[in-house]
Amino acid sequence: MHFIPDNLDDYVVNNSQSEPELLQELNRETWQKVLAPRMLSGHFQGRVLSILSKLIQPKNILEIGTYTGYSALCLVEGIQTDGTLHTIDTNEELYDLQRKYFDKSEYGNQIVQHIGNAIDVIPKLDFVFDLVFIDADKKNYPNYLNIIIPKLKKGSVILSDNVLWSGKVLETISEDDKETKAIVNYNKLLNEHPKLETVLLPIRDGLTISRVK
């Protein structure tokens, strides 16, 4: 989803860091073999995730929603040498594809995959997270926020994807559109949460950065 003209978007991408070769390979294989390839973070947003992680320099990263592993490989670029990235997804069929690319990277031994419902998995992770990326089922975004807050410290950062939801957040929401309702509610929760300071960026389909006060 682009909210600026295509030619201006091309200029933005062309004047940002190039996509690493391994991620180009993963990008191609995702589009060739996996359903719903548009779920991929992709070149530009991936570089945004990478540079934010490098600025934060997290020791422990939590990702909710692995898909084929592209965003995890971007986020892990900024991790400390003794750090770990935990990524959670419900689709066990993608596990081997994720692992293949994780192990091709220099960070393979720092990435831990979890298969299951994040609401069940997260309480079992005995870590304080410096960086969290939420990019999973939209209906549970508010629930994920409530679960992860106790596992964060002052200065921890939450990145939330798809918060503009193709512009549907501005439209009249039908009664059966639970995903858009959840996103609108989530954006309000982030902005009004007493423990967070939040800025919503119009990057691709919307990316929110929230910092624990």
N, C-alpha and C. Protein backbone atom coordinates (compact mmCIF):
# COMPACT_ATOMS: atom_id res chain seq x y z
N MET A 1 0.85 -1.20 0.00
CA MET A 1 0.00 0.00 0.00
C MET A 1 0.89 1.25 0.00
N HIS A 2 0.71 2.11 -1.00
CA HIS A 2 1.48 3.34 -1.09
C HIS A 2 0.53 4.52 -0.91
N PHE A 3 0.91 5.46 -0.08
CA PHE A 3 0.10 6.65 0.14
C PHE A 3 0.70 7.88 -0.54
N ILE A 4 1.78 7.70 -1.29
CA ILE A 4 2.37 8.79 -2.07
C ILE A 4 2.44 8.34 -3.52
N PRO A 5 2.55 9.27 -4.49
CA PRO A 5 2.61 8.88 -5.90
C PRO A 5 3.72 7.88 -6.17
N ASP A 6 3.49 6.99 -7.14
CA ASP A 6 4.45 5.92 -7.43
C ASP A 6 5.83 6.46 -7.79
N ASN A 7 5.89 7.55 -8.55
CA ASN A 7 7.20 8.08 -8.93
C ASN A 7 7.96 8.63 -7.73
N LEU A 8 7.23 9.21 -6.78
CA LEU A 8 7.88 9.70 -5.57
C LEU A 8 8.29 8.52 -4.67
N ASP A 9 7.45 7.50 -4.65
CA ASP A 9 7.79 6.29 -3.89
C ASP A 9 9.04 5.64 -4.46
N ASP A 10 9.14 5.58 -5.78
CA ASP A 10 10.34 5.03 -6.42
C ASP A 10 11.58 5.83 -6.03
N TYR A 11 11.44 7.15 -5.98
CA TYR A 11 12.57 8.00 -5.60
C TYR A 11 13.01 7.70 -4.17
N VAL A 12 12.04 7.53 -3.27
CA VAL A 12 12.33 7.21 -1.87
C VAL A 12 13.11 5.90 -1.79
N VAL A 13 12.63 4.88 -2.49
CA VAL A 13 13.28 3.57 -2.46
C VAL A 13 14.68 3.64 -3.06
N ASN A 14 14.81 4.35 -4.19
CA ASN A 14 16.10 4.43 -4.88
C ASN A 14 17.14 5.21 -4.09
N ASN A 15 16.69 6.02 -3.14
CA ASN A 15 17.62 6.80 -2.32
C ASN A 15 17.67 6.28 -0.88
N SER A 16 17.32 5.01 -0.72
CA SER A 16 17.45 4.32 0.56
C SER A 16 18.39 3.14 0.36
N GLN A 17 18.85 2.57 1.46
CA GLN A 17 19.81 1.46 1.40
C GLN A 17 19.27 0.33 0.52
N SER A 18 20.15 -0.27 -0.26
CA SER A 18 19.75 -1.37 -1.13
C SER A 18 19.38 -2.61 -0.32
N GLU A 19 18.59 -3.47 -0.93
CA GLU A 19 18.14 -4.70 -0.28
C GLU A 19 19.28 -5.72 -0.28
N PRO A 20 19.67 -6.27 0.88
CA PRO A 20 20.73 -7.28 0.92
C PRO A 20 20.42 -8.48 0.03
N GLU A 21 21.45 -9.10 -0.48
CA GLU A 21 21.30 -10.19 -1.44
C GLU A 21 20.47 -11.35 -0.88
N LEU A 22 20.70 -11.72 0.38
CA LEU A 22 19.95 -12.83 0.98
C LEU A 22 18.46 -12.51 1.03
N LEU A 23 18.13 -11.27 1.34
CA LEU A 23 16.72 -10.88 1.41
C LEU A 23 16.10 -10.78 0.01
N GLN A 24 16.89 -10.43 -0.98
CA GLN A 24 16.39 -10.47 -2.36
C GLN A 24 16.01 -11.90 -2.73
N GLU A 25 16.85 -12.85 -2.32
CA GLU A 25 16.58 -14.26 -2.60
C GLU A 25 15.31 -14.73 -1.90
N LEU A 26 15.16 -14.36 -0.63
CA LEU A 26 13.97 -14.73 0.13
C LEU A 26 12.72 -14.07 -0.47
N ASN A 27 12.87 -12.82 -0.88
CA ASN A 27 11.77 -12.10 -1.52
C ASN A 27 11.28 -12.86 -2.76
N ARG A 28 12.22 -13.26 -3.60
CA ARG A 28 11.87 -13.98 -4.84
C ARG A 28 11.18 -15.31 -4.52
N GLU A 29 11.73 -16.06 -3.58
CA GLU A 29 11.16 -17.37 -3.27
C GLU A 29 9.78 -17.24 -2.65
N THR A 30 9.59 -16.21 -1.84
CA THR A 30 8.26 -15.98 -1.26
C THR A 30 7.23 -15.73 -2.34
N TRP A 31 7.57 -14.88 -3.31
CA TRP A 31 6.63 -14.56 -4.39
C TRP A 31 6.39 -15.76 -5.31
N GLN A 32 7.38 -16.63 -5.43
CA GLN A 32 7.25 -17.79 -6.31
C GLN A 32 6.46 -18.94 -5.68
N LYS A 33 6.58 -19.10 -4.35
CA LYS A 33 6.11 -20.35 -3.75
C LYS A 33 5.07 -20.21 -2.64
N VAL A 34 4.87 -19.01 -2.10
CA VAL A 34 4.06 -18.88 -0.88
C VAL A 34 2.80 -18.07 -1.17
N LEU A 35 1.71 -18.47 -0.55
CA LEU A 35 0.45 -17.75 -0.69
C LEU A 35 0.54 -16.37 -0.04
N ALA A 36 -0.19 -15.42 -0.59
CA ALA A 36 -0.28 -14.06 -0.06
C ALA A 36 1.09 -13.40 0.11
N PRO A 37 1.91 -13.35 -0.96
CA PRO A 37 3.26 -12.77 -0.84
C PRO A 37 3.27 -11.28 -0.49
N ARG A 38 2.13 -10.61 -0.65
CA ARG A 38 2.07 -9.19 -0.29
C ARG A 38 2.22 -8.97 1.21
N MET A 39 2.13 -10.04 1.98
CA MET A 39 2.35 -9.94 3.43
C MET A 39 3.81 -9.68 3.77
N LEU A 40 4.68 -9.89 2.81
CA LEU A 40 6.12 -9.67 3.01
C LEU A 40 6.41 -8.21 3.33
N SER A 41 7.29 -7.97 4.28
CA SER A 41 7.65 -6.58 4.60
C SER A 41 8.24 -5.87 3.39
N GLY A 42 9.13 -6.55 2.68
CA GLY A 42 9.69 -5.99 1.45
C GLY A 42 10.86 -5.04 1.68
N HIS A 43 11.46 -4.64 0.57
CA HIS A 43 12.71 -3.89 0.57
C HIS A 43 12.68 -2.64 1.46
N PHE A 44 11.80 -1.68 1.14
CA PHE A 44 11.85 -0.40 1.84
C PHE A 44 11.51 -0.53 3.32
N GLN A 45 10.39 -1.18 3.63
CA GLN A 45 10.03 -1.32 5.04
C GLN A 45 11.05 -2.17 5.78
N GLY A 46 11.60 -3.15 5.09
CA GLY A 46 12.64 -3.97 5.71
C GLY A 46 13.85 -3.15 6.12
N ARG A 47 14.23 -2.18 5.27
CA ARG A 47 15.37 -1.31 5.62
C ARG A 47 15.00 -0.37 6.77
N VAL A 48 13.74 0.02 6.85
CA VAL A 48 13.29 0.83 7.99
C VAL A 48 13.42 0.02 9.27
N LEU A 49 12.96 -1.23 9.25
CA LEU A 49 13.06 -2.10 10.43
C LEU A 49 14.52 -2.31 10.82
N SER A 50 15.36 -2.50 9.82
CA SER A 50 16.78 -2.73 10.08
C SER A 50 17.43 -1.53 10.77
N ILE A 51 17.20 -0.34 10.23
CA ILE A 51 17.90 0.83 10.80
C ILE A 51 17.34 1.17 12.18
N LEU A 52 16.05 0.95 12.41
CA LEU A 52 15.49 1.18 13.74
C LEU A 52 16.12 0.22 14.75
N SER A 53 16.27 -1.04 14.35
CA SER A 53 16.89 -2.01 15.24
C SER A 53 18.34 -1.65 15.53
N LYS A 54 19.04 -1.18 14.52
CA LYS A 54 20.44 -0.79 14.72
C LYS A 54 20.55 0.42 15.65
N LEU A 55 19.58 1.31 15.60
CA LEU A 55 19.57 2.46 16.50
C LEU A 55 19.26 2.03 17.94
N ILE A 56 18.37 1.06 18.08
CA ILE A 56 17.96 0.59 19.41
C ILE A 56 19.00 -0.34 20.01
N GLN A 57 19.66 -1.13 19.17
CA GLN A 57 20.64 -2.14 19.60
C GLN A 57 20.06 -3.07 20.67
N PRO A 58 18.99 -3.77 20.34
CA PRO A 58 18.31 -4.62 21.34
C PRO A 58 19.09 -5.88 21.68
N LYS A 59 18.90 -6.34 22.90
CA LYS A 59 19.44 -7.65 23.28
C LYS A 59 18.39 -8.72 23.00
N ASN A 60 17.15 -8.45 23.38
CA ASN A 60 16.07 -9.41 23.15
C ASN A 60 14.98 -8.79 22.29
N ILE A 61 14.65 -9.48 21.20
CA ILE A 61 13.64 -9.02 20.26
C ILE A 61 12.50 -10.04 20.23
N LEU A 62 11.27 -9.55 20.19
CA LEU A 62 10.09 -10.40 20.03
C LEU A 62 9.39 -9.99 18.74
N GLU A 63 9.12 -10.97 17.90
CA GLU A 63 8.35 -10.73 16.68
C GLU A 63 7.09 -11.59 16.73
N ILE A 64 5.95 -10.94 16.53
CA ILE A 64 4.67 -11.65 16.49
C ILE A 64 4.21 -11.66 15.05
N GLY A 65 4.35 -12.80 14.41
CA GLY A 65 4.04 -12.95 12.99
C GLY A 65 5.31 -13.08 12.17
N THR A 66 5.73 -14.31 11.89
CA THR A 66 7.00 -14.56 11.19
C THR A 66 6.85 -14.51 9.67
N TYR A 67 5.76 -15.07 9.18
CA TYR A 67 5.53 -15.30 7.75
C TYR A 67 6.74 -16.06 7.19
N THR A 68 7.47 -15.55 6.20
CA THR A 68 8.60 -16.32 5.67
C THR A 68 9.94 -15.93 6.29
N GLY A 69 9.92 -15.00 7.25
CA GLY A 69 11.13 -14.67 7.98
C GLY A 69 11.85 -13.42 7.53
N TYR A 70 11.29 -12.70 6.55
CA TYR A 70 11.96 -11.51 6.02
C TYR A 70 12.15 -10.44 7.08
N SER A 71 11.08 -10.10 7.78
CA SER A 71 11.18 -9.02 8.78
C SER A 71 12.09 -9.42 9.94
N ALA A 72 12.08 -10.70 10.30
CA ALA A 72 12.97 -11.17 11.37
C ALA A 72 14.44 -10.94 10.98
N LEU A 73 14.76 -11.23 9.73
CA LEU A 73 16.14 -11.05 9.27
C LEU A 73 16.52 -9.58 9.21
N CYS A 74 15.55 -8.71 9.01
CA CYS A 74 15.82 -7.27 9.05
C CYS A 74 16.04 -6.80 10.49
N LEU A 75 15.17 -7.22 11.38
CA LEU A 75 15.25 -6.80 12.78
C LEU A 75 16.52 -7.30 13.46
N VAL A 76 16.94 -8.51 13.11
CA VAL A 76 18.08 -9.11 13.80
C VAL A 76 19.41 -8.45 13.41
N GLU A 77 19.39 -7.64 12.37
CA GLU A 77 20.62 -6.95 11.94
C GLU A 77 21.15 -6.00 13.01
N GLY A 78 20.29 -5.54 13.92
CA GLY A 78 20.73 -4.61 14.95
C GLY A 78 20.94 -5.24 16.30
N ILE A 79 20.81 -6.56 16.40
CA ILE A 79 20.84 -7.23 17.70
C ILE A 79 22.25 -7.27 18.29
N GLN A 80 22.33 -7.29 19.60
CA GLN A 80 23.62 -7.44 20.28
C GLN A 80 24.17 -8.85 20.04
N THR A 81 25.47 -8.99 20.16
CA THR A 81 26.11 -10.27 19.82
C THR A 81 25.64 -11.42 20.71
N ASP A 82 25.19 -11.11 21.93
CA ASP A 82 24.70 -12.15 22.82
C ASP A 82 23.18 -12.13 22.91
N GLY A 83 22.53 -11.49 21.95
CA GLY A 83 21.08 -11.34 21.98
C GLY A 83 20.35 -12.45 21.26
N THR A 84 19.02 -12.46 21.43
CA THR A 84 18.17 -13.48 20.82
C THR A 84 16.90 -12.84 20.28
N LEU A 85 16.50 -13.28 19.10
CA LEU A 85 15.22 -12.89 18.52
C LEU A 85 14.26 -14.07 18.61
N HIS A 86 13.12 -13.87 19.23
CA HIS A 86 12.07 -14.89 19.30
C HIS A 86 10.96 -14.49 18.36
N THR A 87 10.63 -15.38 17.43
CA THR A 87 9.58 -15.08 16.45
C THR A 87 8.50 -16.14 16.50
N ILE A 88 7.25 -15.70 16.46
CA ILE A 88 6.10 -16.58 16.66
C ILE A 88 5.18 -16.56 15.45
N ASP A 89 4.74 -17.75 15.03
CA ASP A 89 3.79 -17.84 13.94
C ASP A 89 2.93 -19.09 14.12
N THR A 90 1.73 -19.06 13.58
CA THR A 90 0.83 -20.21 13.69
C THR A 90 1.00 -21.20 12.55
N ASN A 91 1.67 -20.79 11.47
CA ASN A 91 1.78 -21.61 10.27
C ASN A 91 3.03 -22.47 10.29
N GLU A 92 2.89 -23.71 10.71
CA GLU A 92 4.05 -24.59 10.80
C GLU A 92 4.58 -24.99 9.43
N GLU A 93 3.79 -24.84 8.37
CA GLU A 93 4.23 -25.21 7.04
C GLU A 93 5.37 -24.31 6.54
N LEU A 94 5.50 -23.11 7.12
CA LEU A 94 6.55 -22.19 6.69
C LEU A 94 7.82 -22.32 7.53
N TYR A 95 7.80 -23.20 8.52
CA TYR A 95 8.92 -23.32 9.47
C TYR A 95 10.24 -23.61 8.75
N ASP A 96 10.24 -24.59 7.85
CA ASP A 96 11.48 -25.00 7.19
C ASP A 96 12.02 -23.91 6.26
N LEU A 97 11.11 -23.20 5.58
CA LEU A 97 11.56 -22.09 4.72
C LEU A 97 12.19 -20.99 5.55
N GLN A 98 11.56 -20.64 6.66
CA GLN A 98 12.14 -19.65 7.57
C GLN A 98 13.53 -20.08 8.02
N ARG A 99 13.61 -21.34 8.46
CA ARG A 99 14.87 -21.84 9.03
C ARG A 99 15.98 -21.84 7.99
N LYS A 100 15.64 -22.16 6.75
CA LYS A 100 16.64 -22.18 5.69
C LYS A 100 17.31 -20.82 5.55
N TYR A 101 16.52 -19.77 5.55
CA TYR A 101 17.09 -18.44 5.38
C TYR A 101 17.71 -17.91 6.67
N PHE A 102 17.17 -18.27 7.80
CA PHE A 102 17.80 -17.88 9.06
C PHE A 102 19.21 -18.45 9.13
N ASP A 103 19.34 -19.73 8.74
CA ASP A 103 20.65 -20.38 8.83
C ASP A 103 21.61 -19.93 7.74
N LYS A 104 21.08 -19.39 6.66
CA LYS A 104 21.95 -18.82 5.63
C LYS A 104 22.55 -17.49 6.10
N SER A 105 21.88 -16.84 7.04
CA SER A 105 22.36 -15.56 7.55
C SER A 105 23.42 -15.79 8.62
N GLU A 106 24.05 -14.71 9.05
CA GLU A 106 25.05 -14.81 10.12
C GLU A 106 24.41 -14.85 11.50
N TYR A 107 23.08 -14.78 11.55
CA TYR A 107 22.38 -14.70 12.83
C TYR A 107 21.58 -15.95 13.16
N GLY A 108 21.81 -17.03 12.41
CA GLY A 108 20.99 -18.22 12.56
C GLY A 108 20.87 -18.73 13.98
N ASN A 109 21.98 -18.72 14.72
CA ASN A 109 21.95 -19.25 16.08
C ASN A 109 21.35 -18.28 17.09
N GLN A 110 20.94 -17.10 16.61
CA GLN A 110 20.32 -16.11 17.50
C GLN A 110 18.82 -15.99 17.28
N ILE A 111 18.29 -16.76 16.33
CA ILE A 111 16.86 -16.69 16.02
C ILE A 111 16.17 -17.97 16.48
N VAL A 112 15.17 -17.80 17.34
CA VAL A 112 14.39 -18.92 17.88
C VAL A 112 12.98 -18.85 17.34
N GLN A 113 12.52 -19.93 16.70
CA GLN A 113 11.18 -19.99 16.13
C GLN A 113 10.21 -20.63 17.12
N HIS A 114 9.01 -20.09 17.17
CA HIS A 114 7.95 -20.66 18.00
C HIS A 114 6.71 -20.85 17.12
N ILE A 115 6.14 -22.03 17.15
CA ILE A 115 4.91 -22.31 16.41
C ILE A 115 3.76 -22.36 17.40
N GLY A 116 2.73 -21.56 17.16
CA GLY A 116 1.57 -21.55 18.05
C GLY A 116 0.93 -20.18 18.10
N ASN A 117 -0.07 -20.09 18.91
CA ASN A 117 -0.78 -18.83 19.13
C ASN A 117 0.06 -17.94 20.04
N ALA A 118 0.35 -16.73 19.59
CA ALA A 118 1.21 -15.83 20.36
C ALA A 118 0.66 -15.56 21.76
N ILE A 119 -0.65 -15.54 21.88
CA ILE A 119 -1.26 -15.29 23.19
C ILE A 119 -0.91 -16.39 24.19
N ASP A 120 -0.68 -17.59 23.67
CA ASP A 120 -0.27 -18.71 24.52
C ASP A 120 1.24 -18.78 24.70
N VAL A 121 1.98 -18.41 23.66
CA VAL A 121 3.44 -18.54 23.68
C VAL A 121 4.11 -17.44 24.51
N ILE A 122 3.67 -16.20 24.36
CA ILE A 122 4.36 -15.07 24.99
C ILE A 122 4.48 -15.19 26.51
N PRO A 123 3.42 -15.60 27.22
CA PRO A 123 3.55 -15.72 28.68
C PRO A 123 4.62 -16.73 29.12
N LYS A 124 4.99 -17.64 28.24
CA LYS A 124 5.99 -18.66 28.58
C LYS A 124 7.42 -18.17 28.32
N LEU A 125 7.56 -17.02 27.69
CA LEU A 125 8.90 -16.49 27.39
C LEU A 125 9.37 -15.63 28.55
N ASP A 126 10.37 -16.10 29.24
CA ASP A 126 10.85 -15.42 30.45
C ASP A 126 11.96 -14.43 30.09
N PHE A 127 11.58 -13.40 29.36
CA PHE A 127 12.54 -12.40 28.92
C PHE A 127 11.95 -11.01 29.07
N VAL A 128 12.84 -10.02 29.21
CA VAL A 128 12.45 -8.62 29.06
C VAL A 128 12.89 -8.22 27.65
N PHE A 129 11.95 -7.73 26.86
CA PHE A 129 12.24 -7.42 25.46
C PHE A 129 12.54 -5.93 25.27
N ASP A 130 13.57 -5.67 24.47
CA ASP A 130 13.95 -4.30 24.14
C ASP A 130 13.21 -3.81 22.90
N LEU A 131 12.81 -4.75 22.05
CA LEU A 131 12.17 -4.41 20.78
C LEU A 131 11.13 -5.47 20.46
N VAL A 132 9.92 -5.02 20.10
CA VAL A 132 8.84 -5.91 19.71
C VAL A 132 8.28 -5.45 18.37
N PHE A 133 8.06 -6.41 17.48
CA PHE A 133 7.42 -6.11 16.19
C PHE A 133 6.14 -6.91 16.09
N ILE A 134 5.01 -6.21 15.92
CA ILE A 134 3.71 -6.87 15.83
C ILE A 134 3.22 -6.79 14.39
N ASP A 135 3.07 -7.96 13.77
CA ASP A 135 2.60 -8.03 12.38
C ASP A 135 1.89 -9.36 12.18
N ALA A 136 0.80 -9.56 12.91
CA ALA A 136 0.07 -10.82 12.85
C ALA A 136 -1.41 -10.53 12.65
N ASP A 137 -2.28 -11.41 13.15
CA ASP A 137 -3.72 -11.23 12.97
C ASP A 137 -4.17 -9.95 13.66
N LYS A 138 -4.82 -9.10 12.90
CA LYS A 138 -5.14 -7.75 13.36
C LYS A 138 -6.14 -7.74 14.53
N LYS A 139 -7.04 -8.72 14.56
CA LYS A 139 -8.05 -8.75 15.61
C LYS A 139 -7.45 -8.88 17.00
N ASN A 140 -6.23 -9.43 17.07
CA ASN A 140 -5.59 -9.64 18.37
C ASN A 140 -4.57 -8.58 18.73
N TYR A 141 -4.41 -7.55 17.90
CA TYR A 141 -3.44 -6.50 18.22
C TYR A 141 -3.63 -5.94 19.63
N PRO A 142 -4.85 -5.57 20.04
CA PRO A 142 -5.03 -5.05 21.40
C PRO A 142 -4.65 -6.08 22.47
N ASN A 143 -4.94 -7.35 22.21
CA ASN A 143 -4.58 -8.41 23.17
C ASN A 143 -3.07 -8.58 23.26
N TYR A 144 -2.39 -8.53 22.12
CA TYR A 144 -0.93 -8.63 22.13
C TYR A 144 -0.31 -7.50 22.95
N LEU A 145 -0.84 -6.31 22.77
CA LEU A 145 -0.31 -5.17 23.52
C LEU A 145 -0.41 -5.40 25.02
N ASN A 146 -1.56 -5.86 25.47
CA ASN A 146 -1.76 -6.11 26.90
C ASN A 146 -0.83 -7.18 27.44
N ILE A 147 -0.52 -8.17 26.63
CA ILE A 147 0.35 -9.27 27.07
C ILE A 147 1.82 -8.86 27.12
N ILE A 148 2.24 -8.02 26.15
CA ILE A 148 3.68 -7.71 26.09
C ILE A 148 4.10 -6.58 27.02
N ILE A 149 3.19 -5.70 27.38
CA ILE A 149 3.57 -4.56 28.23
C ILE A 149 4.33 -4.99 29.49
N PRO A 150 3.90 -6.03 30.21
CA PRO A 150 4.64 -6.44 31.41
C PRO A 150 6.05 -6.97 31.11
N LYS A 151 6.34 -7.29 29.84
CA LYS A 151 7.64 -7.84 29.48
C LYS A 151 8.56 -6.79 28.88
N LEU A 152 8.20 -5.53 29.06
CA LEU A 152 9.01 -4.43 28.54
C LEU A 152 9.56 -3.59 29.68
N LYS A 153 10.59 -2.82 29.38
CA LYS A 153 11.20 -1.92 30.37
C LYS A 153 11.20 -0.51 29.81
N LYS A 154 11.57 0.44 30.63
CA LYS A 154 11.67 1.82 30.16
C LYS A 154 12.63 1.89 28.98
N GLY A 155 12.17 2.51 27.90
CA GLY A 155 12.99 2.62 26.70
C GLY A 155 12.75 1.54 25.67
N SER A 156 12.04 0.46 26.05
CA SER A 156 11.70 -0.58 25.08
C SER A 156 10.80 0.00 24.00
N VAL A 157 10.88 -0.58 22.80
CA VAL A 157 10.15 -0.05 21.65
C VAL A 157 9.24 -1.12 21.05
N ILE A 158 8.01 -0.71 20.74
CA ILE A 158 7.06 -1.57 20.04
C ILE A 158 6.85 -1.00 18.64
N LEU A 159 7.05 -1.84 17.63
CA LEU A 159 6.76 -1.47 16.25
C LEU A 159 5.50 -2.23 15.83
N SER A 160 4.52 -1.51 15.29
CA SER A 160 3.25 -2.14 14.89
C SER A 160 2.99 -1.88 13.42
N ASP A 161 2.76 -2.96 12.67
CA ASP A 161 2.59 -2.84 11.23
C ASP A 161 1.12 -2.81 10.83
N ASN A 162 0.84 -2.28 9.63
CA ASN A 162 -0.50 -2.25 9.02
C ASN A 162 -1.50 -1.42 9.81
N VAL A 163 -1.04 -0.38 10.48
CA VAL A 163 -1.94 0.39 11.33
C VAL A 163 -2.81 1.39 10.56
N LEU A 164 -2.58 1.53 9.26
CA LEU A 164 -3.48 2.34 8.43
C LEU A 164 -4.46 1.46 7.66
N TRP A 165 -4.13 0.19 7.56
CA TRP A 165 -5.04 -0.84 7.04
C TRP A 165 -5.67 -0.43 5.71
N SER A 166 -4.78 -0.09 4.77
CA SER A 166 -5.18 0.32 3.42
C SER A 166 -6.14 1.52 3.42
N GLY A 167 -6.04 2.35 4.43
CA GLY A 167 -6.89 3.53 4.52
C GLY A 167 -8.27 3.28 5.10
N LYS A 168 -8.55 2.02 5.45
CA LYS A 168 -9.88 1.68 5.98
C LYS A 168 -10.15 2.34 7.33
N VAL A 169 -9.09 2.76 8.03
CA VAL A 169 -9.27 3.39 9.34
C VAL A 169 -10.04 4.71 9.23
N LEU A 170 -10.11 5.27 8.02
CA LEU A 170 -10.83 6.53 7.80
C LEU A 170 -12.25 6.32 7.28
N GLU A 171 -12.57 5.10 6.92
CA GLU A 171 -13.86 4.81 6.32
C GLU A 171 -14.90 4.43 7.37
N THR A 172 -16.16 4.46 6.98
CA THR A 172 -17.22 3.94 7.84
C THR A 172 -17.05 2.44 7.96
N ILE A 173 -16.97 1.94 9.17
CA ILE A 173 -16.66 0.53 9.41
C ILE A 173 -17.95 -0.27 9.53
N SER A 174 -18.06 -1.32 8.74
CA SER A 174 -19.23 -2.18 8.81
C SER A 174 -19.20 -3.02 10.09
N GLU A 175 -20.36 -3.47 10.51
CA GLU A 175 -20.47 -4.21 11.76
C GLU A 175 -19.64 -5.49 11.78
N ASP A 176 -19.50 -6.12 10.60
CA ASP A 176 -18.79 -7.40 10.55
C ASP A 176 -17.29 -7.25 10.26
N ASP A 177 -16.80 -6.03 10.14
CA ASP A 177 -15.38 -5.80 9.85
C ASP A 177 -14.59 -5.73 11.16
N LYS A 178 -14.32 -6.89 11.72
CA LYS A 178 -13.67 -6.96 13.03
C LYS A 178 -12.20 -6.52 12.97
N GLU A 179 -11.56 -6.75 11.83
CA GLU A 179 -10.14 -6.39 11.72
C GLU A 179 -9.94 -4.88 11.75
N THR A 180 -10.74 -4.16 10.96
CA THR A 180 -10.60 -2.70 10.95
C THR A 180 -10.97 -2.12 12.31
N LYS A 181 -12.00 -2.65 12.94
CA LYS A 181 -12.38 -2.19 14.27
C LYS A 181 -11.23 -2.39 15.25
N ALA A 182 -10.58 -3.54 15.16
CA ALA A 182 -9.47 -3.83 16.07
C ALA A 182 -8.31 -2.87 15.85
N ILE A 183 -8.00 -2.56 14.58
CA ILE A 183 -6.90 -1.64 14.28
C ILE A 183 -7.20 -0.24 14.80
N VAL A 184 -8.43 0.23 14.58
CA VAL A 184 -8.81 1.56 15.08
C VAL A 184 -8.71 1.61 16.60
N ASN A 185 -9.20 0.57 17.25
CA ASN A 185 -9.12 0.48 18.71
C ASN A 185 -7.68 0.42 19.18
N TYR A 186 -6.87 -0.34 18.46
CA TYR A 186 -5.45 -0.49 18.81
C TYR A 186 -4.71 0.84 18.69
N ASN A 187 -4.94 1.55 17.60
CA ASN A 187 -4.28 2.85 17.43
C ASN A 187 -4.63 3.81 18.56
N LYS A 188 -5.87 3.76 18.99
CA LYS A 188 -6.32 4.61 20.10
C LYS A 188 -5.64 4.17 21.40
N LEU A 189 -5.55 2.86 21.61
CA LEU A 189 -4.90 2.34 22.82
C LEU A 189 -3.44 2.78 22.89
N LEU A 190 -2.74 2.66 21.77
CA LEU A 190 -1.33 3.05 21.74
C LEU A 190 -1.16 4.53 22.06
N ASN A 191 -1.98 5.35 21.43
CA ASN A 191 -1.83 6.79 21.58
C ASN A 191 -2.20 7.28 22.97
N GLU A 192 -3.13 6.58 23.63
CA GLU A 192 -3.60 7.02 24.94
C GLU A 192 -3.01 6.23 26.10
N HIS A 193 -2.19 5.24 25.79
CA HIS A 193 -1.65 4.38 26.86
C HIS A 193 -0.73 5.20 27.78
N PRO A 194 -0.94 5.14 29.08
CA PRO A 194 -0.15 5.97 30.00
C PRO A 194 1.33 5.59 30.07
N LYS A 195 1.68 4.38 29.63
CA LYS A 195 3.07 3.95 29.70
C LYS A 195 3.83 4.14 28.38
N LEU A 196 3.13 4.64 27.35
CA LEU A 196 3.75 4.71 26.03
C LEU A 196 3.73 6.12 25.46
N GLU A 197 4.74 6.42 24.64
CA GLU A 197 4.70 7.59 23.78
C GLU A 197 4.77 7.07 22.35
N THR A 198 3.89 7.56 21.50
CA THR A 198 3.65 6.91 20.20
C THR A 198 3.65 7.91 19.06
N VAL A 199 4.22 7.47 17.92
CA VAL A 199 4.09 8.24 16.68
C VAL A 199 3.75 7.26 15.57
N LEU A 200 2.74 7.62 14.77
CA LEU A 200 2.31 6.78 13.66
C LEU A 200 2.90 7.34 12.37
N LEU A 201 3.64 6.49 11.68
CA LEU A 201 4.31 6.91 10.45
C LEU A 201 3.57 6.36 9.23
N PRO A 202 3.34 7.18 8.20
CA PRO A 202 2.66 6.71 6.99
C PRO A 202 3.62 5.97 6.05
N ILE A 203 4.29 4.97 6.59
CA ILE A 203 5.23 4.15 5.81
C ILE A 203 4.48 2.91 5.32
N ARG A 204 4.45 2.72 4.01
CA ARG A 204 3.71 1.62 3.41
C ARG A 204 2.28 1.60 3.97
N ASP A 205 1.89 0.55 4.68
CA ASP A 205 0.52 0.45 5.18
C ASP A 205 0.39 0.98 6.61
N GLY A 206 1.35 1.80 7.03
CA GLY A 206 1.31 2.38 8.37
C GLY A 206 2.18 1.61 9.34
N LEU A 207 3.13 2.30 9.96
CA LEU A 207 4.02 1.70 10.95
C LEU A 207 4.06 2.61 12.16
N THR A 208 3.67 2.09 13.31
CA THR A 208 3.69 2.88 14.53
C THR A 208 4.92 2.53 15.35
N ILE A 209 5.55 3.56 15.90
CA ILE A 209 6.65 3.39 16.84
C ILE A 209 6.16 3.85 18.20
N SER A 210 6.21 2.96 19.17
CA SER A 210 5.79 3.28 20.55
C SER A 210 6.96 2.97 21.48
N ARG A 211 7.24 3.92 22.37
CA ARG A 211 8.34 3.77 23.32
C ARG A 211 7.81 3.76 24.74
N VAL A 212 8.31 2.84 25.55
CA VAL A 212 7.89 2.77 26.95
C VAL A 212 8.52 3.92 27.71
N LYS A 213 7.70 4.69 28.42
CA LYS A 213 8.18 5.85 29.18
C LYS A 213 8.98 5.42 30.40
